[in-house]
């Protein structure tokens, strides 16, 4: 059999052993595959980063919205407690009415006026007035009822403006 110009009888190709040639070709193949993998892998990365950034922004907006809604909820609960206190005054349940006024004050402390777009001074004046409010047993409850109604109406007004 005639020898090919590339191989010799001692198992060499291009003057190198077959193992060295196989190793070199394997290394070249791995490098080519690595290059192809890197080229393919770089394609979607910027798109994925943009999608992740958009998701983070949406999450932050949702968290802000949830915080705002929670603050509004506390304000609405405070208003409801004031209206219930008015009903308790009419029913001459003064102790329960005072408890509801205190609970309303506690709820208002959890309201963030900045989140709701309220004037912080308006909310603080309502908080201060409720903190000093004390419903007493009396023959004529009109003055106490009128004062409590006025506070409830002011709170309703600033909550309505914040919508």
Protein backbone atom coordinates (compact mmCIF):
# COMPACT_ATOMS: atom_id res chain seq x y z
CA UNK A 1 0.00 0.00 0.00
CA UNK A 2 1.35 3.36 -0.90
CA UNK A 3 1.92 5.91 1.77
CA UNK A 4 -0.13 9.05 1.64
CA UNK A 5 1.85 12.24 1.80
CA UNK A 6 0.19 13.17 5.07
CA UNK A 7 0.89 10.08 7.09
CA UNK A 8 3.87 7.96 7.59
CA UNK A 9 4.30 4.44 8.73
CA UNK A 10 5.02 5.34 12.34
CA UNK A 11 1.50 6.82 12.97
CA UNK A 12 2.25 10.47 12.46
CA UNK A 13 0.25 13.10 10.64
CA UNK A 14 1.93 16.30 9.48
CA UNK A 15 4.91 15.28 11.51
CA UNK A 16 2.89 15.01 14.73
CA UNK A 17 1.60 12.00 16.54
CA UNK A 18 -2.03 11.07 15.96
CA UNK A 19 -2.80 11.84 19.59
CA UNK A 20 -1.39 15.36 19.30
CA UNK A 21 -3.38 16.00 16.13
CA UNK A 22 -6.54 14.63 17.75
CA UNK A 23 -5.96 16.81 20.83
CA UNK A 24 -5.36 19.91 18.71
CA UNK A 25 -8.47 19.27 16.61
CA UNK A 26 -10.51 18.65 19.77
CA UNK A 27 -9.25 21.91 21.27
CA UNK A 28 -10.14 23.81 18.10
CA UNK A 29 -13.60 22.20 18.12
CA UNK A 30 -14.18 23.11 21.76
CA UNK A 31 -13.08 26.69 21.12
CA UNK A 32 -15.43 26.95 18.14
CA UNK A 33 -18.34 25.59 20.18
CA UNK A 34 -17.48 27.93 23.05
CA UNK A 35 -17.47 30.91 20.69
CA UNK A 36 -20.81 29.89 19.20
CA UNK A 37 -22.27 29.43 22.69
CA UNK A 38 -21.09 32.84 23.82
CA UNK A 39 -22.45 34.48 20.68
CA UNK A 40 -25.84 32.81 21.12
CA UNK A 41 -25.92 33.48 24.86
CA UNK A 42 -25.30 37.19 24.53
CA UNK A 43 -28.37 37.73 22.40
CA UNK A 44 -31.19 37.54 24.97
CA UNK A 45 -29.25 38.93 27.96
CA UNK A 46 -29.99 42.63 27.29
CA UNK A 47 -33.64 41.81 26.67
CA UNK A 48 -33.80 39.84 29.91
CA UNK A 49 -32.14 42.68 31.80
CA UNK A 50 -34.68 45.13 30.40
CA UNK A 51 -37.53 42.82 31.35
CA UNK A 52 -36.11 42.45 34.86
CA UNK A 53 -35.77 46.23 35.19
CA UNK A 54 -39.37 46.74 34.06
CA UNK A 55 -40.52 44.11 36.57
CA UNK A 56 -38.62 45.85 39.37
CA UNK A 57 -40.22 49.18 38.46
CA UNK A 58 -43.66 47.58 38.36
CA UNK A 59 -43.03 45.97 41.74
CA UNK A 60 -41.98 49.30 43.25
CA UNK A 61 -45.07 51.01 41.83
CA UNK A 62 -47.30 48.26 43.19
CA UNK A 63 -45.68 48.54 46.63
CA UNK A 64 -46.22 52.31 46.63
CA UNK A 65 -49.84 51.83 45.59
CA UNK A 66 -50.40 49.22 48.30
CA UNK A 67 -48.90 51.53 50.93
CA UNK A 68 -51.13 54.37 49.75
CA UNK A 69 -54.22 52.17 49.84
CA UNK A 70 -53.37 50.94 53.31
CA UNK A 71 -53.02 54.51 54.52
CA UNK A 72 -56.36 55.41 52.95
CA UNK A 73 -57.94 52.37 54.59
CA UNK A 74 -56.80 53.56 58.02
CA UNK A 75 -58.32 56.97 57.31
CA UNK A 76 -61.62 55.45 56.23
CA UNK A 77 -61.65 53.20 59.30
CA UNK A 78 -61.06 56.24 61.52
CA UNK A 79 -63.99 57.99 59.87
CA UNK A 80 -66.22 54.95 60.33
CA UNK A 81 -65.30 54.80 64.01
CA UNK A 82 -66.25 58.47 64.41
CA UNK A 83 -69.64 57.87 62.80
CA UNK A 84 -70.19 54.89 65.08
CA UNK A 85 -69.21 57.04 68.06
CA UNK A 86 -71.94 59.48 67.00
CA UNK A 87 -74.45 56.65 67.03
CA UNK A 88 -73.21 55.62 70.47
CA UNK A 89 -73.66 59.17 71.77
CA UNK A 90 -77.24 59.12 70.50
CA UNK A 91 -77.76 55.79 72.25
CA UNK A 92 -76.17 57.28 75.40
CA UNK A 93 -73.33 54.73 75.37
CA UNK A 94 -70.70 57.26 76.41
CA UNK A 95 -67.98 54.79 77.37
CA UNK A 96 -68.21 52.97 74.05
CA UNK A 97 -68.32 56.30 72.21
CA UNK A 98 -65.10 57.38 73.94
CA UNK A 99 -63.46 54.05 73.05
CA UNK A 100 -64.38 54.55 69.41
CA UNK A 101 -62.97 58.08 69.44
CA UNK A 102 -59.69 56.74 70.89
CA UNK A 103 -59.62 53.95 68.30
CA UNK A 104 -60.22 56.52 65.60
CA UNK A 105 -57.27 58.54 66.87
CA UNK A 106 -55.09 55.43 66.76
CA UNK A 107 -56.14 54.74 63.18
CA UNK A 108 -55.36 58.31 62.18
CA UNK A 109 -51.84 57.91 63.53
CA UNK A 110 -51.33 55.23 60.88
CA UNK A 111 -52.36 57.56 58.04
CA UNK A 112 -49.52 59.06 56.01
CA UNK A 113 -50.88 62.36 54.68
CA UNK A 114 -48.08 62.70 52.13
CA UNK A 115 -49.01 59.40 50.48
CA UNK A 116 -52.61 60.52 50.21
CA UNK A 117 -51.82 64.03 49.05
CA UNK A 118 -53.32 65.61 52.16
CA UNK A 119 -52.17 68.65 54.01
CA UNK A 120 -50.34 67.19 57.03
CA UNK A 121 -51.43 70.12 59.20
CA UNK A 122 -55.11 69.39 58.54
CA UNK A 123 -54.71 65.79 59.58
CA UNK A 124 -52.65 66.75 62.62
CA UNK A 125 -55.29 69.22 63.79
CA UNK A 126 -57.93 66.48 63.61
CA UNK A 127 -55.66 64.09 65.51
CA UNK A 128 -55.02 66.72 68.19
CA UNK A 129 -58.70 67.51 68.57
CA UNK A 130 -59.64 63.85 68.87
CA UNK A 131 -56.87 63.25 71.41
CA UNK A 132 -58.48 65.79 73.75
CA UNK A 133 -62.03 64.72 73.03
CA UNK A 134 -63.93 63.32 76.00
CA UNK A 135 -67.64 62.58 75.82
CA UNK A 136 -69.31 63.20 79.16
CA UNK A 137 -72.72 62.33 80.49
CA UNK A 138 -74.92 65.38 80.09
CA UNK A 139 -78.57 66.33 79.78
CA UNK A 140 -77.99 68.11 76.51
CA UNK A 141 -75.57 66.23 74.26
CA UNK A 142 -76.02 68.60 71.34
CA UNK A 143 -72.73 70.47 71.88
CA UNK A 144 -70.67 67.27 72.16
CA UNK A 145 -72.46 65.71 69.23
CA UNK A 146 -71.99 68.84 67.11
CA UNK A 147 -68.27 68.93 67.91
CA UNK A 148 -67.85 65.24 67.04
CA UNK A 149 -69.88 65.71 63.85
CA UNK A 150 -67.71 68.67 62.84
CA UNK A 151 -64.53 66.61 63.29
CA UNK A 152 -66.01 63.72 61.30
CA UNK A 153 -67.05 66.08 58.51
CA UNK A 154 -63.57 67.64 58.38
CA UNK A 155 -61.99 64.20 58.19
CA UNK A 156 -64.44 63.17 55.49
CA UNK A 157 -63.60 66.33 53.56
CA UNK A 158 -59.83 65.84 53.61
CA UNK A 159 -60.19 62.15 52.78
CA UNK A 160 -62.46 63.09 49.89
CA UNK A 161 -59.98 65.64 48.61
CA UNK A 162 -57.24 63.02 48.74
CA UNK A 163 -59.09 60.77 46.31
